């Protein structure tokens, strides 16, 4: 439902921006485009957004940002005609009918990423959510600058633990290790958002800094460590871990992994289940072609 509301709202806003742009109302058009770019950038990290939708939203935000910049500087890298070609995309957004080929050439908008500041202005939303949207956008830009190939983004939803409420400052570390157990990448989530009776809730995204193709070439596996702070020892400790082979990696589907006792074994030889209860790590993956 939220996606449909966004689609209708953005169509209305885009029509208004287009009118201002076509009529030569430069200041109004610029403000409209900047506002839309900020909104779309803030929403691309929503849990329900698929890989393809994420890619389309990213391109739309960049086009809007680039056109605002063109109006500000009078350098027409991207024209009003280019912007008109985006109308059909807004009409089919989130319906599954988004075109495979984006109508505007990437050279006209790819420079605009640094100009966009994600914003949820006008919404009743907590400051934390706004900060998360900005972090997600900046993480994505950083990884797209450094990774060549398919970028893998994990949304870690929750981990099941019988003593879930006992952990202080819990977070996850996502590791990529090759077939010999060498670490290729390591990323930490923010602290968990909530602790329930038998689940620690994250609902956070992590972008890997190594491409899917490079992981395949090195025979890599992906590891997930659950960590927490121990005040008595004044240190962060790994409580348990999970892993997946690349063959188990599914795009835009929920994945459920078994959880093992510490210590983490990057060679996957010593696997002892952490709990006899049916408690697992739940996550989703989206792919970004770069």
Protein backbone atom coordinates (compact mmCIF):
# COMPACT_ATOMS: atom_id res chain seq x y z
CA UNK A 1 0.00 0.00 0.00
CA UNK A 2 2.83 2.38 0.88
CA UNK A 3 4.42 1.82 -2.52
CA UNK A 4 1.17 2.66 -4.33
CA UNK A 5 0.79 5.85 -2.29
CA UNK A 6 4.37 6.83 -3.12
CA UNK A 7 3.80 6.18 -6.83
CA UNK A 8 0.69 8.38 -6.95
CA UNK A 9 2.30 11.13 -4.87
CA UNK A 10 5.46 11.17 -7.00
CA UNK A 11 3.47 11.21 -10.25
CA UNK A 12 1.63 14.33 -9.04
CA UNK A 13 4.84 16.02 -7.90
CA UNK A 14 6.65 15.13 -11.13
CA UNK A 15 3.82 16.53 -13.29
CA UNK A 16 4.02 19.79 -11.33
CA UNK A 17 7.82 19.95 -11.70
CA UNK A 18 7.50 19.21 -15.42
CA UNK A 19 5.01 22.05 -15.87
CA UNK A 20 7.29 24.52 -14.12
CA UNK A 21 10.23 23.30 -16.21
CA UNK A 22 8.32 23.50 -19.53
CA UNK A 23 7.04 27.00 -18.74
CA UNK A 24 10.53 28.27 -17.91
CA UNK A 25 9.79 28.72 -14.20
CA UNK A 26 13.38 27.86 -13.34
CA UNK A 27 13.41 28.45 -9.57
CA UNK A 28 10.17 26.51 -8.96
CA UNK A 29 11.27 23.61 -11.19
CA UNK A 30 14.65 23.44 -9.48
CA UNK A 31 13.04 23.32 -6.02
CA UNK A 32 10.53 20.66 -7.16
CA UNK A 33 13.25 18.43 -8.62
CA UNK A 34 15.52 18.79 -5.57
CA UNK A 35 12.67 17.93 -3.21
CA UNK A 36 11.71 14.85 -5.23
CA UNK A 37 15.33 13.65 -5.51
CA UNK A 38 15.68 13.88 -1.72
CA UNK A 39 12.42 11.97 -1.12
CA UNK A 40 13.22 9.18 -3.58
CA UNK A 41 16.76 8.80 -2.22
CA UNK A 42 15.29 8.41 1.28
CA UNK A 43 12.86 5.68 0.18
CA UNK A 44 15.15 3.40 -1.84
CA UNK A 45 16.18 1.60 1.36
CA UNK A 46 12.62 0.55 2.26
CA UNK A 47 12.42 -3.16 3.22
CA UNK A 48 9.84 -3.94 0.50
CA UNK A 49 11.90 -2.52 -2.40
CA UNK A 50 13.16 -5.15 -4.88
CA UNK A 51 16.51 -5.11 -6.69
CA UNK A 52 15.00 -3.74 -9.91
CA UNK A 53 12.92 -1.09 -8.10
CA UNK A 54 15.99 -0.01 -6.15
CA UNK A 55 17.93 0.45 -9.39
CA UNK A 56 15.11 2.48 -11.01
CA UNK A 57 14.67 4.69 -7.91
CA UNK A 58 18.40 5.34 -7.82
CA UNK A 59 18.43 6.46 -11.46
CA UNK A 60 15.32 8.61 -11.03
CA UNK A 61 16.82 10.39 -8.01
CA UNK A 62 20.04 11.06 -9.94
CA UNK A 63 18.12 12.42 -12.97
CA UNK A 64 16.09 14.75 -10.74
CA UNK A 65 19.23 15.94 -8.98
CA UNK A 66 21.06 16.42 -12.29
CA UNK A 67 18.19 18.45 -13.79
CA UNK A 68 18.04 20.68 -10.69
CA UNK A 69 21.79 21.27 -11.11
CA UNK A 70 21.35 22.01 -14.84
CA UNK A 71 18.70 24.65 -14.06
CA UNK A 72 20.92 26.17 -11.38
CA UNK A 73 24.05 26.44 -13.57
CA UNK A 74 22.40 26.75 -17.02
CA UNK A 75 24.58 23.83 -18.25
CA UNK A 76 22.07 21.53 -19.93
CA UNK A 77 23.68 18.12 -19.39
CA UNK A 78 20.16 16.76 -19.00
CA UNK A 79 17.30 18.49 -20.84
CA UNK A 80 13.59 19.07 -20.28
CA UNK A 81 12.98 16.51 -23.06
CA UNK A 82 15.03 13.93 -21.13
CA UNK A 83 12.89 14.61 -18.07
CA UNK A 84 9.67 14.11 -20.08
CA UNK A 85 10.90 10.61 -20.98
CA UNK A 86 10.74 9.70 -17.27
CA UNK A 87 6.95 10.20 -17.11
CA UNK A 88 6.11 6.61 -18.20
CA UNK A 89 8.48 5.25 -15.54
CA UNK A 90 6.70 7.09 -12.73
CA UNK A 91 3.41 5.70 -14.09
CA UNK A 92 4.55 2.05 -13.80
CA UNK A 93 6.75 2.36 -10.71
CA UNK A 94 6.32 -0.55 -8.25
CA UNK A 95 4.03 -2.46 -10.65
CA UNK A 96 6.69 -4.84 -12.01
CA UNK A 97 6.35 -3.22 -15.46
CA UNK A 98 9.41 -0.94 -15.14
CA UNK A 99 11.38 -0.96 -18.42
CA UNK A 100 14.62 -2.95 -18.64
CA UNK A 101 16.34 -0.09 -20.47
CA UNK A 102 16.35 3.28 -18.70
CA UNK A 103 15.40 6.09 -21.15
CA UNK A 104 18.14 8.57 -20.17
CA UNK A 105 21.82 7.84 -20.79
CA UNK A 106 23.81 7.41 -17.55
CA UNK A 107 26.45 9.95 -18.64
CA UNK A 108 23.81 12.68 -18.20
CA UNK A 109 23.13 12.02 -14.52
CA UNK A 110 25.75 9.81 -12.85
CA UNK A 111 27.67 12.85 -11.53
CA UNK A 112 24.71 13.97 -9.39
CA UNK A 113 25.00 11.52 -6.47
CA UNK A 114 26.99 13.84 -4.21
CA UNK A 115 24.41 16.65 -4.62
CA UNK A 116 21.49 14.65 -3.23
CA UNK A 117 20.69 14.70 0.48
CA UNK A 118 17.99 12.15 1.36
CA UNK A 119 15.12 13.77 3.23
CA UNK A 120 11.77 12.72 4.65
CA UNK A 121 10.62 16.33 4.98
CA UNK A 122 6.89 16.67 5.48
CA UNK A 123 6.51 13.17 6.94
CA UNK A 124 5.85 12.34 10.57
CA UNK A 125 8.99 10.31 11.14
CA UNK A 126 11.65 9.97 13.83
CA UNK A 127 15.11 11.49 13.39
CA UNK A 128 16.61 7.97 13.51
CA UNK A 129 14.69 6.92 10.39
CA UNK A 130 15.86 10.02 8.55
CA UNK A 131 19.45 9.29 9.57
CA UNK A 132 19.12 5.66 8.41
CA UNK A 133 17.86 6.82 4.99
CA UNK A 134 20.85 9.14 4.61
CA UNK A 135 23.28 6.43 5.74
CA UNK A 136 21.81 3.93 3.28
CA UNK A 137 22.12 6.40 0.37
CA UNK A 138 25.75 7.27 1.23
CA UNK A 139 26.71 3.61 1.75
CA UNK A 140 25.29 2.80 -1.66
CA UNK A 141 27.17 5.67 -3.36
CA UNK A 142 30.44 4.62 -1.70
CA UNK A 143 30.14 1.00 -2.76
CA UNK A 144 29.13 1.91 -6.34
CA UNK A 145 32.31 3.99 -6.59
CA UNK A 146 34.58 1.12 -5.54
CA UNK A 147 32.94 -2.15 -6.66
CA UNK A 148 32.87 -3.24 -10.30
CA UNK A 149 30.25 -5.87 -11.04
CA UNK A 150 27.18 -6.95 -9.08
CA UNK A 151 26.88 -5.34 -5.65
CA UNK A 152 25.16 -7.48 -3.00
CA UNK A 153 23.13 -5.70 -0.32
CA UNK A 154 21.84 -7.69 2.67
CA UNK A 155 18.90 -6.57 4.77
CA UNK A 156 19.33 -8.34 8.08
CA UNK A 157 15.84 -8.63 9.52
CA UNK A 158 16.23 -10.52 12.82
CA UNK A 159 18.05 -13.28 14.67
CA UNK A 160 16.29 -15.78 16.92
CA UNK A 161 17.82 -16.29 20.39
CA UNK A 162 16.13 -17.73 23.48
CA UNK A 163 17.76 -15.03 25.65
CA UNK A 164 17.29 -12.21 23.12
CA UNK A 165 16.46 -9.54 25.71
CA UNK A 166 19.66 -10.05 27.71
CA UNK A 167 22.13 -8.62 25.19
CA UNK A 168 23.65 -5.14 25.52
CA UNK A 169 24.29 -3.12 22.33
CA UNK A 170 23.90 -6.09 19.96
CA UNK A 171 25.00 -5.79 16.31
CA UNK A 172 25.95 -8.04 13.39
CA UNK A 173 29.22 -8.31 11.48
CA UNK A 174 28.96 -9.57 7.89
CA UNK A 175 32.15 -11.25 6.66
CA UNK A 176 33.13 -12.55 3.23
CA UNK A 177 35.85 -15.23 3.31
CA UNK A 178 37.45 -17.18 0.47
CA UNK A 179 37.78 -20.98 0.33
CA UNK A 180 41.01 -20.84 2.41
CA UNK A 181 39.38 -18.83 5.18
CA UNK A 182 40.93 -15.46 4.25
CA UNK A 183 38.68 -12.45 4.94
CA UNK A 184 37.84 -10.47 1.78
CA UNK A 185 35.41 -8.00 3.37
CA UNK A 186 33.91 -7.15 6.75
CA UNK A 187 30.93 -4.85 7.48
CA UNK A 188 29.15 -4.02 10.74
CA UNK A 189 25.49 -3.12 11.13
CA UNK A 190 24.29 -0.35 13.44
CA UNK A 191 23.10 -1.47 16.89
CA UNK A 192 19.89 -3.52 16.88
CA UNK A 193 16.65 -1.55 16.77
CA UNK A 194 14.66 -3.72 19.20
CA UNK A 195 14.86 -6.78 21.45
CA UNK A 196 11.82 -9.05 21.70
CA UNK A 197 11.26 -12.22 23.74
CA UNK A 198 13.07 -14.55 21.33
CA UNK A 199 14.36 -12.23 18.59
CA UNK A 200 16.83 -9.38 18.25
CA UNK A 201 15.43 -7.11 15.52
CA UNK A 202 17.76 -5.31 13.09
CA UNK A 203 15.97 -4.50 9.82
CA UNK A 204 19.22 -2.95 8.57
CA UNK A 205 21.04 -2.97 5.26
CA UNK A 206 24.70 -3.81 4.67
CA UNK A 207 26.41 -3.35 1.29
CA UNK A 208 29.29 -5.75 0.57
CA UNK A 209 32.49 -4.18 -0.73
CA UNK A 210 33.32 -7.16 -2.94
CA UNK A 211 31.31 -8.00 -6.07
CA UNK A 212 29.29 -11.19 -6.54
CA UNK A 213 31.56 -12.10 -9.48
CA UNK A 214 34.73 -11.72 -7.35
CA UNK A 215 33.14 -13.83 -4.60
CA UNK A 216 32.33 -16.55 -7.14
CA UNK A 217 35.89 -16.48 -8.53
CA UNK A 218 37.41 -16.94 -5.07
CA UNK A 219 34.94 -19.64 -3.94
CA UNK A 220 33.80 -17.38 -1.11
CA UNK A 221 31.14 -17.90 1.54
CA UNK A 222 29.35 -15.22 3.58
CA UNK A 223 29.37 -15.24 7.38
CA UNK A 224 27.16 -13.43 9.89
CA UNK A 225 28.41 -12.91 13.46
CA UNK A 226 26.08 -11.81 16.27
CA UNK A 227 28.03 -9.60 18.70
CA UNK A 228 27.23 -7.82 21.96
CA UNK A 229 28.95 -5.79 24.67
CA UNK A 230 30.06 -7.42 27.94
CA UNK A 231 30.33 -4.68 30.60
CA UNK A 232 32.22 -6.84 33.14
CA UNK A 233 34.94 -7.65 30.63
CA UNK A 234 34.57 -4.25 28.93
CA UNK A 235 34.71 -5.82 25.49
CA UNK A 236 32.61 -6.81 22.49
CA UNK A 237 32.07 -10.55 22.22
CA UNK A 238 30.78 -12.85 19.45
CA UNK A 239 27.85 -14.89 20.78
CA UNK A 240 27.00 -17.02 17.74
CA UNK A 241 27.27 -17.07 13.95
CA UNK A 242 25.72 -18.28 10.70
CA UNK A 243 26.94 -18.65 7.14
CA UNK A 244 25.76 -19.22 3.59
CA UNK A 245 27.36 -20.59 0.46
CA UNK A 246 26.92 -18.47 -2.67
CA UNK A 247 24.62 -21.18 -4.09
CA UNK A 248 22.18 -20.36 -1.26
CA UNK A 249 22.17 -16.63 -2.07
CA UNK A 250 18.71 -15.72 -3.40
CA UNK A 251 17.79 -12.32 -4.80
CA UNK A 252 14.65 -10.62 -3.40
CA UNK A 253 13.64 -13.65 -1.29
CA UNK A 254 13.76 -14.31 2.44
CA UNK A 255 16.67 -16.55 3.47
CA UNK A 256 16.67 -18.41 6.78
CA UNK A 257 20.01 -19.63 8.19
CA UNK A 258 20.88 -21.98 11.04
CA UNK A 259 22.84 -20.44 13.91
CA UNK A 260 26.04 -22.03 15.27
CA UNK A 261 28.02 -21.88 18.52
CA UNK A 262 31.05 -19.59 18.66
CA UNK A 263 33.87 -19.33 17.71
CA UNK A 264 33.30 -18.49 14.04
CA UNK A 265 35.01 -21.05 11.80
CA UNK A 266 35.69 -19.48 8.40
CA UNK A 267 36.63 -22.94 7.06
CA UNK A 268 33.20 -24.31 8.13
CA UNK A 269 34.63 -27.48 9.70
CA UNK A 270 33.27 -27.14 13.27
CA UNK A 271 29.51 -26.62 13.13
CA UNK A 272 27.61 -26.99 16.40
CA UNK A 273 24.04 -25.70 16.48
CA UNK A 274 23.59 -22.84 18.94
CA UNK A 275 20.09 -23.88 20.01
CA UNK A 276 17.78 -26.87 19.76
CA UNK A 277 14.84 -24.49 19.43
CA UNK A 278 13.65 -23.51 15.91
CA UNK A 279 15.43 -20.13 15.98
CA UNK A 280 17.23 -18.76 12.93
CA UNK A 281 18.80 -15.74 11.25
CA UNK A 282 16.39 -14.09 8.78
CA UNK A 283 17.67 -11.93 5.91
CA UNK A 284 17.02 -10.72 2.36
CA UNK A 285 19.42 -9.79 -0.45
CA UNK A 286 19.11 -7.29 -3.27
CA UNK A 287 21.53 -7.08 -6.21
CA UNK A 288 22.72 -3.87 -7.86
CA UNK A 289 24.34 -4.06 -11.30
CA UNK A 290 27.21 -1.62 -11.54
